[in-house]
Amino acid sequence: MAARNEGGYSLETLHENNWYYDRVRNLNNFYDRSDEVILLGQRPRIMPYHFQWPIDDDMVNSNTLGRINQNLGYTGSANNVPPLDMIE
């Protein structure tokens, strides 16, 4: 079972529940009005996994001797593999 701090956050579910997302949502109403606001042709949105940026596809695909996992929440993260427990 994952250790949780007083806010209920854990490393295993950081992409689903984290302090950054909660703070942004609580301290401004910009994302609550996303149906009214359009910036550069798009409506603003924020998701819990946005505390990290996606890893560029070129970085993932160019690594031929290993595997670079995508940050959870972004396209391609379903193909992630667990890290090695022991190097052979």
PDB file of N, CA and C in Angstrom:
ATOM      1  N   MET A   1       0.838  -1.184   0.000  1.00  0.00           N
ATOM      2  CA  MET A   1       0.000   0.000   0.000  1.00  0.00           C
ATOM      3  C   MET A   1       0.884   1.248   0.000  1.00  0.00           C
ATOM      4  N   ALA A   2       0.474   2.229  -0.738  1.00  0.00           N
ATOM      5  CA  ALA A   2       1.267   3.445  -0.882  1.00  0.00           C
ATOM      6  C   ALA A   2       1.109   4.343   0.345  1.00  0.00           C
ATOM      7  N   ALA A   3       2.211   4.945   0.745  1.00  0.00           N
ATOM      8  CA  ALA A   3       2.162   5.908   1.847  1.00  0.00           C
ATOM      9  C   ALA A   3       1.534   7.205   1.341  1.00  0.00           C
ATOM     10  N   ARG A   4       0.661   7.758   2.143  1.00  0.00           N
ATOM     11  CA  ARG A   4      -0.012   8.999   1.768  1.00  0.00           C
ATOM     12  C   ARG A   4       0.297  10.063   2.804  1.00  0.00           C
ATOM     13  N   ASN A   5       0.405  11.300   2.344  1.00  0.00           N
ATOM     14  CA  ASN A   5       0.604  12.386   3.296  1.00  0.00           C
ATOM     15  C   ASN A   5      -0.745  12.934   3.737  1.00  0.00           C
ATOM     16  N   GLU A   6      -0.755  13.996   4.497  1.00  0.00           N
ATOM     17  CA  GLU A   6      -2.016  14.485   5.060  1.00  0.00           C
ATOM     18  C   GLU A   6      -3.002  14.972   4.007  1.00  0.00           C
ATOM     19  N   GLY A   7      -2.541  15.326   2.816  1.00  0.00           N
ATOM     20  CA  GLY A   7      -3.448  15.744   1.747  1.00  0.00           C
ATOM     21  C   GLY A   7      -3.999  14.580   0.956  1.00  0.00           C
ATOM     22  N   GLY A   8      -3.549  13.358   1.264  1.00  0.00           N
ATOM     23  CA  GLY A   8      -4.014  12.183   0.547  1.00  0.00           C
ATOM     24  C   GLY A   8      -3.247  11.918  -0.730  1.00  0.00           C
ATOM     25  N   TYR A   9      -2.112  12.549  -0.908  1.00  0.00           N
ATOM     26  CA  TYR A   9      -1.329  12.382  -2.125  1.00  0.00           C
ATOM     27  C   TYR A   9      -0.337  11.235  -1.969  1.00  0.00           C
ATOM     28  N   SER A  10      -0.079  10.517  -3.063  1.00  0.00           N
ATOM     29  CA  SER A  10       0.940   9.465  -3.046  1.00  0.00           C
ATOM     30  C   SER A  10       1.671   9.474  -4.385  1.00  0.00           C
ATOM     31  N   LEU A  11       2.864   8.915  -4.413  1.00  0.00           N
ATOM     32  CA  LEU A  11       3.647   8.880  -5.647  1.00  0.00           C
ATOM     33  C   LEU A  11       2.991   8.012  -6.715  1.00  0.00           C
ATOM     34  N   GLU A  12       2.289   6.968  -6.319  1.00  0.00           N
ATOM     35  CA  GLU A  12       1.672   6.062  -7.284  1.00  0.00           C
ATOM     36  C   GLU A  12       0.502   6.713  -8.020  1.00  0.00           C
ATOM     37  N   THR A  13      -0.180   7.648  -7.379  1.00  0.00           N
ATOM     38  CA  THR A  13      -1.347   8.286  -8.001  1.00  0.00           C
ATOM     39  C   THR A  13      -1.120   9.772  -8.246  1.00  0.00           C
ATOM     40  N   LEU A  14       0.130  10.184  -8.329  1.00  0.00           N
ATOM     41  CA  LEU A  14       0.454  11.598  -8.498  1.00  0.00           C
ATOM     42  C   LEU A  14      -0.128  12.180  -9.781  1.00  0.00           C
ATOM     43  N   HIS A  15      -0.252  11.376 -10.825  1.00  0.00           N
ATOM     44  CA  HIS A  15      -0.810  11.859 -12.089  1.00  0.00           C
ATOM     45  C   HIS A  15      -2.329  12.017 -12.021  1.00  0.00           C
ATOM     46  N   GLU A  16      -2.967  11.507 -10.963  1.00  0.00           N
ATOM     47  CA  GLU A  16      -4.414  11.615 -10.800  1.00  0.00           C
ATOM     48  C   GLU A  16      -4.815  12.584  -9.695  1.00  0.00           C
ATOM     49  N   ASN A  17      -3.927  12.784  -8.713  1.00  0.00           N
ATOM     50  CA  ASN A  17      -4.257  13.598  -7.549  1.00  0.00           C
ATOM     51  C   ASN A  17      -2.965  14.188  -7.002  1.00  0.00           C
ATOM     52  N   ASN A  18      -2.813  15.516  -7.113  1.00  0.00           N
ATOM     53  CA  ASN A  18      -1.589  16.146  -6.607  1.00  0.00           C
ATOM     54  C   ASN A  18      -1.856  17.567  -6.126  1.00  0.00           C
ATOM     55  N   TRP A  19      -0.939  18.066  -5.337  1.00  0.00           N
ATOM     56  CA  TRP A  19      -1.070  19.361  -4.705  1.00  0.00           C
ATOM     57  C   TRP A  19      -1.115  20.494  -5.733  1.00  0.00           C
ATOM     58  N   TYR A  20      -0.309  20.419  -6.771  1.00  0.00           N
ATOM     59  CA  TYR A  20      -0.262  21.473  -7.781  1.00  0.00           C
ATOM     60  C   TYR A  20      -1.636  21.671  -8.426  1.00  0.00           C
ATOM     61  N   TYR A  21      -2.246  20.593  -8.870  1.00  0.00           N
ATOM     62  CA  TYR A  21      -3.563  20.674  -9.505  1.00  0.00           C
ATOM     63  C   TYR A  21      -4.601  21.238  -8.540  1.00  0.00           C
ATOM     64  N   ASP A  22      -4.604  20.727  -7.317  1.00  0.00           N
ATOM     65  CA  ASP A  22      -5.570  21.210  -6.328  1.00  0.00           C
ATOM     66  C   ASP A  22      -5.374  22.701  -6.052  1.00  0.00           C
ATOM     67  N   ARG A  23      -4.140  23.139  -5.958  1.00  0.00           N
ATOM     68  CA  ARG A  23      -3.859  24.559  -5.675  1.00  0.00           C
ATOM     69  C   ARG A  23      -4.306  25.452  -6.829  1.00  0.00           C
ATOM     70  N   VAL A  24      -4.000  25.072  -8.059  1.00  0.00           N
ATOM     71  CA  VAL A  24      -4.406  25.871  -9.223  1.00  0.00           C
ATOM     72  C   VAL A  24      -5.922  25.964  -9.300  1.00  0.00           C
ATOM     73  N   ARG A  25      -6.609  24.855  -9.090  1.00  0.00           N
ATOM     74  CA  ARG A  25      -8.069  24.855  -9.160  1.00  0.00           C
ATOM     75  C   ARG A  25      -8.702  25.673  -8.024  1.00  0.00           C
ATOM     76  N   ASN A  26      -8.091  25.637  -6.847  1.00  0.00           N
ATOM     77  CA  ASN A  26      -8.662  26.344  -5.704  1.00  0.00           C
ATOM     78  C   ASN A  26      -8.400  27.848  -5.713  1.00  0.00           C
ATOM     79  N   LEU A  27      -7.286  28.283  -6.308  1.00  0.00           N
ATOM     80  CA  LEU A  27      -6.907  29.688  -6.202  1.00  0.00           C
ATOM     81  C   LEU A  27      -7.249  30.551  -7.412  1.00  0.00           C
ATOM     82  N   ASN A  28      -7.828  29.962  -8.459  1.00  0.00           N
ATOM     83  CA  ASN A  28      -8.285  30.803  -9.555  1.00  0.00           C
ATOM     84  C   ASN A  28      -9.489  30.158 -10.233  1.00  0.00           C
ATOM     85  N   ASN A  29     -10.301  30.990 -10.836  1.00  0.00           N
ATOM     86  CA  ASN A  29     -11.513  30.493 -11.486  1.00  0.00           C
ATOM     87  C   ASN A  29     -11.374  30.459 -13.009  1.00  0.00           C
ATOM     88  N   PHE A  30     -10.177  30.603 -13.505  1.00  0.00           N
ATOM     89  CA  PHE A  30      -9.937  30.658 -14.943  1.00  0.00           C
ATOM     90  C   PHE A  30     -10.440  29.391 -15.638  1.00  0.00           C
ATOM     91  N   TYR A  31     -10.155  28.230 -15.058  1.00  0.00           N
ATOM     92  CA  TYR A  31     -10.533  26.968 -15.694  1.00  0.00           C
ATOM     93  C   TYR A  31     -12.016  26.651 -15.492  1.00  0.00           C
ATOM     94  N   ASP A  32     -12.642  27.237 -14.491  1.00  0.00           N
ATOM     95  CA  ASP A  32     -14.072  27.041 -14.292  1.00  0.00           C
ATOM     96  C   ASP A  32     -14.888  27.770 -15.355  1.00  0.00           C
ATOM     97  N   ARG A  33     -14.322  28.797 -15.941  1.00  0.00           N
ATOM     98  CA  ARG A  33     -15.021  29.585 -16.963  1.00  0.00           C
ATOM     99  C   ARG A  33     -14.571  29.194 -18.360  1.00  0.00           C
ATOM    100  N   SER A  34     -14.087  27.970 -18.548  1.00  0.00           N
ATOM    101  CA  SER A  34     -13.509  27.589 -19.831  1.00  0.00           C
ATOM    102  C   SER A  34     -14.534  27.563 -20.962  1.00  0.00           C
ATOM    103  N   ASP A  35     -15.829  27.515 -20.630  1.00  0.00           N
ATOM    104  CA  ASP A  35     -16.827  27.589 -21.692  1.00  0.00           C
ATOM    105  C   ASP A  35     -16.984  29.013 -22.214  1.00  0.00           C
ATOM    106  N   GLU A  36     -16.548  30.012 -21.442  1.00  0.00           N
ATOM    107  CA  GLU A  36     -16.641  31.416 -21.839  1.00  0.00           C
ATOM    108  C   GLU A  36     -15.354  31.917 -22.488  1.00  0.00           C
ATOM    109  N   VAL A  37     -14.218  31.362 -22.082  1.00  0.00           N
ATOM    110  CA  VAL A  37     -12.911  31.874 -22.484  1.00  0.00           C
ATOM    111  C   VAL A  37     -12.361  31.045 -23.638  1.00  0.00           C
ATOM    112  N   ILE A  38     -11.893  31.735 -24.673  1.00  0.00           N
ATOM    113  CA  ILE A  38     -11.214  31.065 -25.784  1.00  0.00           C
ATOM    114  C   ILE A  38      -9.915  31.814 -26.034  1.00  0.00           C
ATOM    115  N   LEU A  39      -8.804  31.115 -25.925  1.00  0.00           N
ATOM    116  CA  LEU A  39      -7.482  31.689 -26.152  1.00  0.00           C
ATOM    117  C   LEU A  39      -6.831  30.988 -27.323  1.00  0.00           C
ATOM    118  N   LEU A  40      -6.428  31.733 -28.324  1.00  0.00           N
ATOM    119  CA  LEU A  40      -5.791  31.182 -29.515  1.00  0.00           C
ATOM    120  C   LEU A  40      -6.615  30.055 -30.124  1.00  0.00           C
ATOM    121  N   GLY A  41      -7.929  30.208 -30.088  1.00  0.00           N
ATOM    122  CA  GLY A  41      -8.826  29.234 -30.688  1.00  0.00           C
ATOM    123  C   GLY A  41      -9.104  28.006 -29.850  1.00  0.00           C
ATOM    124  N   GLN A  42      -8.603  27.960 -28.610  1.00  0.00           N
ATOM    125  CA  GLN A  42      -8.825  26.788 -27.763  1.00  0.00           C
ATOM    126  C   GLN A  42      -9.347  27.210 -26.397  1.00  0.00           C
ATOM    127  N   ARG A  43     -10.081  26.322 -25.784  1.00  0.00           N
ATOM    128  CA  ARG A  43     -10.564  26.555 -24.420  1.00  0.00           C
ATOM    129  C   ARG A  43      -9.503  26.058 -23.435  1.00  0.00           C
ATOM    130  N   PRO A  44      -9.222  26.828 -22.412  1.00  0.00           N
ATOM    131  CA  PRO A  44      -8.205  26.400 -21.448  1.00  0.00           C
ATOM    132  C   PRO A  44      -8.707  25.219 -20.615  1.00  0.00           C
ATOM    133  N   ARG A  45      -7.801  24.318 -20.308  1.00  0.00           N
ATOM    134  CA  ARG A  45      -8.135  23.198 -19.445  1.00  0.00           C
ATOM    135  C   ARG A  45      -6.885  22.785 -18.682  1.00  0.00           C
ATOM    136  N   ILE A  46      -7.093  22.164 -17.551  1.00  0.00           N
ATOM    137  CA  ILE A  46      -5.982  21.645 -16.770  1.00  0.00           C
ATOM    138  C   ILE A  46      -6.406  20.286 -16.225  1.00  0.00           C
ATOM    139  N   MET A  47      -5.484  19.366 -16.242  1.00  0.00           N
ATOM    140  CA  MET A  47      -5.701  18.020 -15.721  1.00  0.00           C
ATOM    141  C   MET A  47      -4.629  17.744 -14.667  1.00  0.00           C
ATOM    142  N   PRO A  48      -4.872  16.819 -13.746  1.00  0.00           N
ATOM    143  CA  PRO A  48      -3.881  16.547 -12.704  1.00  0.00           C
ATOM    144  C   PRO A  48      -2.507  16.158 -13.238  1.00  0.00           C
ATOM    145  N   TYR A  49      -2.445  15.481 -14.383  1.00  0.00           N
ATOM    146  CA  TYR A  49      -1.147  15.062 -14.910  1.00  0.00           C
ATOM    147  C   TYR A  49      -0.364  16.203 -15.560  1.00  0.00           C
ATOM    148  N   HIS A  50      -0.939  17.382 -15.676  1.00  0.00           N
ATOM    149  CA  HIS A  50      -0.246  18.518 -16.282  1.00  0.00           C
ATOM    150  C   HIS A  50       0.863  19.100 -15.407  1.00  0.00           C
ATOM    151  N   PHE A  51       1.068  18.566 -14.206  1.00  0.00           N
ATOM    152  CA  PHE A  51       2.191  19.037 -13.399  1.00  0.00           C
ATOM    153  C   PHE A  51       3.510  18.593 -14.021  1.00  0.00           C
ATOM    154  N   GLN A  52       3.454  17.615 -14.918  1.00  0.00           N
ATOM    155  CA  GLN A  52       4.629  17.185 -15.689  1.00  0.00           C
ATOM    156  C   GLN A  52       4.342  17.425 -17.163  1.00  0.00           C
ATOM    157  N   TRP A  53       5.403  17.645 -17.927  1.00  0.00           N
ATOM    158  CA  TRP A  53       5.243  17.769 -19.364  1.00  0.00           C
ATOM    159  C   TRP A  53       5.385  16.396 -20.006  1.00  0.00           C
ATOM    160  N   PRO A  54       4.818  16.220 -21.210  1.00  0.00           N
ATOM    161  CA  PRO A  54       5.010  14.933 -21.891  1.00  0.00           C
ATOM    162  C   PRO A  54       6.452  14.808 -22.377  1.00  0.00           C
ATOM    163  N   ILE A  55       6.915  13.589 -22.449  1.00  0.00           N
ATOM    164  CA  ILE A  55       8.244  13.326 -23.005  1.00  0.00           C
ATOM    165  C   ILE A  55       8.094  13.297 -24.517  1.00  0.00           C
ATOM    166  N   ASP A  56       8.951  14.018 -25.212  1.00  0.00           N
ATOM    167  CA  ASP A  56       8.874  14.132 -26.659  1.00  0.00           C
ATOM    168  C   ASP A  56       8.989  12.761 -27.330  1.00  0.00           C
ATOM    169  N   ASP A  57       8.149  12.534 -28.353  1.00  0.00           N
ATOM    170  CA  ASP A  57       8.165  11.253 -29.074  1.00  0.00           C
ATOM    171  C   ASP A  57       9.526  10.938 -29.669  1.00  0.00           C
ATOM    172  N   ASP A  58      10.248  11.967 -30.122  1.00  0.00           N
ATOM    173  CA  ASP A  58      11.582  11.731 -30.681  1.00  0.00           C
ATOM    174  C   ASP A  58      12.519  11.125 -29.645  1.00  0.00           C
ATOM    175  N   MET A  59      12.388  11.554 -28.392  1.00  0.00           N
ATOM    176  CA  MET A  59      13.227  10.999 -27.321  1.00  0.00           C
ATOM    177  C   MET A  59      12.872   9.533 -27.055  1.00  0.00           C
ATOM    178  N   VAL A  60      11.599   9.248 -27.018  1.00  0.00           N
ATOM    179  CA  VAL A  60      11.150   7.881 -26.752  1.00  0.00           C
ATOM    180  C   VAL A  60      11.565   6.955 -27.888  1.00  0.00           C
ATOM    181  N   ASN A  61      11.355   7.378 -29.135  1.00  0.00           N
ATOM    182  CA  ASN A  61      11.613   6.517 -30.291  1.00  0.00           C
ATOM    183  C   ASN A  61      13.089   6.390 -30.643  1.00  0.00           C
ATOM    184  N   SER A  62      13.895   7.380 -30.315  1.00  0.00           N
ATOM    185  CA  SER A  62      15.308   7.327 -30.697  1.00  0.00           C
ATOM    186  C   SER A  62      16.154   6.506 -29.729  1.00  0.00           C
ATOM    187  N   ASN A  63      15.628   6.154 -28.600  1.00  0.00           N
ATOM    188  CA  ASN A  63      16.376   5.350 -27.639  1.00  0.00           C
ATOM    189  C   ASN A  63      16.264   3.881 -28.038  1.00  0.00           C
ATOM    190  N   THR A  64      17.263   3.362 -28.747  1.00  0.00           N
ATOM    191  CA  THR A  64      17.202   1.998 -29.274  1.00  0.00           C
ATOM    192  C   THR A  64      17.752   0.960 -28.303  1.00  0.00           C
ATOM    193  N   LEU A  65      18.502   1.367 -27.301  1.00  0.00           N
ATOM    194  CA  LEU A  65      19.107   0.409 -26.383  1.00  0.00           C
ATOM    195  C   LEU A  65      18.323   0.257 -25.083  1.00  0.00           C
ATOM    196  N   GLY A  66      17.226   0.942 -24.959  1.00  0.00           N
ATOM    197  CA  GLY A  66      16.438   0.865 -23.733  1.00  0.00           C
ATOM    198  C   GLY A  66      15.032   1.349 -23.983  1.00  0.00           C
ATOM    199  N   ARG A  67      14.348   1.627 -22.932  1.00  0.00           N
ATOM    200  CA  ARG A  67      12.963   2.077 -23.032  1.00  0.00           C
ATOM    201  C   ARG A  67      12.779   3.320 -22.170  1.00  0.00           C
ATOM    202  N   ILE A  68      12.263   4.394 -22.771  1.00  0.00           N
ATOM    203  CA  ILE A  68      11.897   5.593 -22.032  1.00  0.00           C
ATOM    204  C   ILE A  68      10.384   5.599 -21.930  1.00  0.00           C
ATOM    205  N   ASN A  69       9.873   5.585 -20.726  1.00  0.00           N
ATOM    206  CA  ASN A  69       8.430   5.602 -20.509  1.00  0.00           C
ATOM    207  C   ASN A  69       7.886   7.021 -20.597  1.00  0.00           C
ATOM    208  N   GLN A  70       6.660   7.120 -21.098  1.00  0.00           N
ATOM    209  CA  GLN A  70       5.955   8.400 -21.163  1.00  0.00           C
ATOM    210  C   GLN A  70       5.383   8.714 -19.781  1.00  0.00           C
ATOM    211  N   ASN A  71       5.312   9.985 -19.430  1.00  0.00           N
ATOM    212  CA  ASN A  71       4.688  10.376 -18.166  1.00  0.00           C
ATOM    213  C   ASN A  71       3.222   9.956 -18.179  1.00  0.00           C
ATOM    214  N   LEU A  72       2.758   9.459 -17.055  1.00  0.00           N
ATOM    215  CA  LEU A  72       1.390   8.948 -16.954  1.00  0.00           C
ATOM    216  C   LEU A  72       0.381  10.054 -17.243  1.00  0.00           C
ATOM    217  N   GLY A  73      -0.639   9.676 -18.006  1.00  0.00           N
ATOM    218  CA  GLY A  73      -1.694  10.612 -18.380  1.00  0.00           C
ATOM    219  C   GLY A  73      -1.600  11.045 -19.830  1.00  0.00           C
ATOM    220  N   TYR A  74      -0.411  11.012 -20.400  1.00  0.00           N
ATOM    221  CA  TYR A  74      -0.212  11.445 -21.781  1.00  0.00           C
ATOM    222  C   TYR A  74      -0.314  10.268 -22.747  1.00  0.00           C
ATOM    223  N   THR A  75      -0.568  10.577 -24.017  1.00  0.00           N
ATOM    224  CA  THR A  75      -0.655   9.562 -25.048  1.00  0.00           C
ATOM    225  C   THR A  75       0.647   8.766 -25.103  1.00  0.00           C
ATOM    226  N   GLY A  76       0.534   7.460 -25.106  1.00  0.00           N
ATOM    227  CA  GLY A  76       1.697   6.589 -25.137  1.00  0.00           C
ATOM    228  C   GLY A  76       2.039   5.993 -23.786  1.00  0.00           C
ATOM    229  N   SER A  77       1.448   6.497 -22.714  1.00  0.00           N
ATOM    230  CA  SER A  77       1.779   5.966 -21.389  1.00  0.00           C
ATOM    231  C   SER A  77       1.222   4.557 -21.183  1.00  0.00           C
ATOM    232  N   ALA A  78       0.265   4.146 -21.998  1.00  0.00           N
ATOM    233  CA  ALA A  78      -0.258   2.779 -21.904  1.00  0.00           C
ATOM    234  C   ALA A  78       0.793   1.757 -22.319  1.00  0.00           C
ATOM    235  N   ASN A  79       1.809   2.177 -23.080  1.00  0.00           N
ATOM    236  CA  ASN A  79       2.873   1.278 -23.528  1.00  0.00           C
ATOM    237  C   ASN A  79       4.049   1.230 -22.564  1.00  0.00           C
ATOM    238  N   ASN A  80       3.954   1.895 -21.421  1.00  0.00           N
ATOM    239  CA  ASN A  80       5.046   1.906 -20.452  1.00  0.00           C
ATOM    240  C   ASN A  80       5.341   0.501 -19.949  1.00  0.00           C
ATOM    241  N   VAL A  81       6.605   0.267 -19.664  1.00  0.00           N
ATOM    242  CA  VAL A  81       7.027  -1.012 -19.087  1.00  0.00           C
ATOM    243  C   VAL A  81       7.609  -0.738 -17.706  1.00  0.00           C
ATOM    244  N   PRO A  82       7.484  -1.679 -16.772  1.00  0.00           N
ATOM    245  CA  PRO A  82       8.036  -1.444 -15.446  1.00  0.00           C
ATOM    246  C   PRO A  82       9.563  -1.362 -15.496  1.00  0.00           C
ATOM    247  N   PRO A  83      10.175  -0.599 -14.596  1.00  0.00           N
ATOM    248  CA  PRO A  83      11.635  -0.503 -14.598  1.00  0.00           C
ATOM    249  C   PRO A  83      12.253  -1.830 -14.165  1.00  0.00           C
ATOM    250  N   LEU A  84      13.501  -2.025 -14.556  1.00  0.00           N
ATOM    251  CA  LEU A  84      14.216  -3.246 -14.181  1.00  0.00           C
ATOM    252  C   LEU A  84      14.431  -3.290 -12.690  1.00  0.00           C
ATOM    253  N   ASP A  85      14.239  -4.461 -12.105  1.00  0.00           N
ATOM    254  CA  ASP A  85      14.548  -4.649 -10.694  1.00  0.00           C
ATOM    255  C   ASP A  85      16.015  -5.032 -10.505  1.00  0.00           C
ATOM    256  N   MET A  86      16.557  -5.730 -11.527  1.00  0.00           N
ATOM    257  CA  MET A  86      17.939  -6.175 -11.438  1.00  0.00           C
ATOM    258  C   MET A  86      18.546  -6.148 -12.839  1.00  0.00           C
ATOM    259  N   ILE A  87      19.767  -5.664 -12.940  1.00  0.00           N
ATOM    260  CA  ILE A  87      20.479  -5.642 -14.218  1.00  0.00           C
ATOM    261  C   ILE A  87      21.191  -6.980 -14.396  1.00  0.00           C
ATOM    262  N   GLU A  88      20.959  -7.616 -15.538  1.00  0.00           N
ATOM    263  CA  GLU A  88      21.566  -8.934 -15.793  1.00  0.00           C
ATOM    264  C   GLU A  88      22.947  -8.794 -16.377  1.00  0.00           C
TER     265      GLU A  88
END
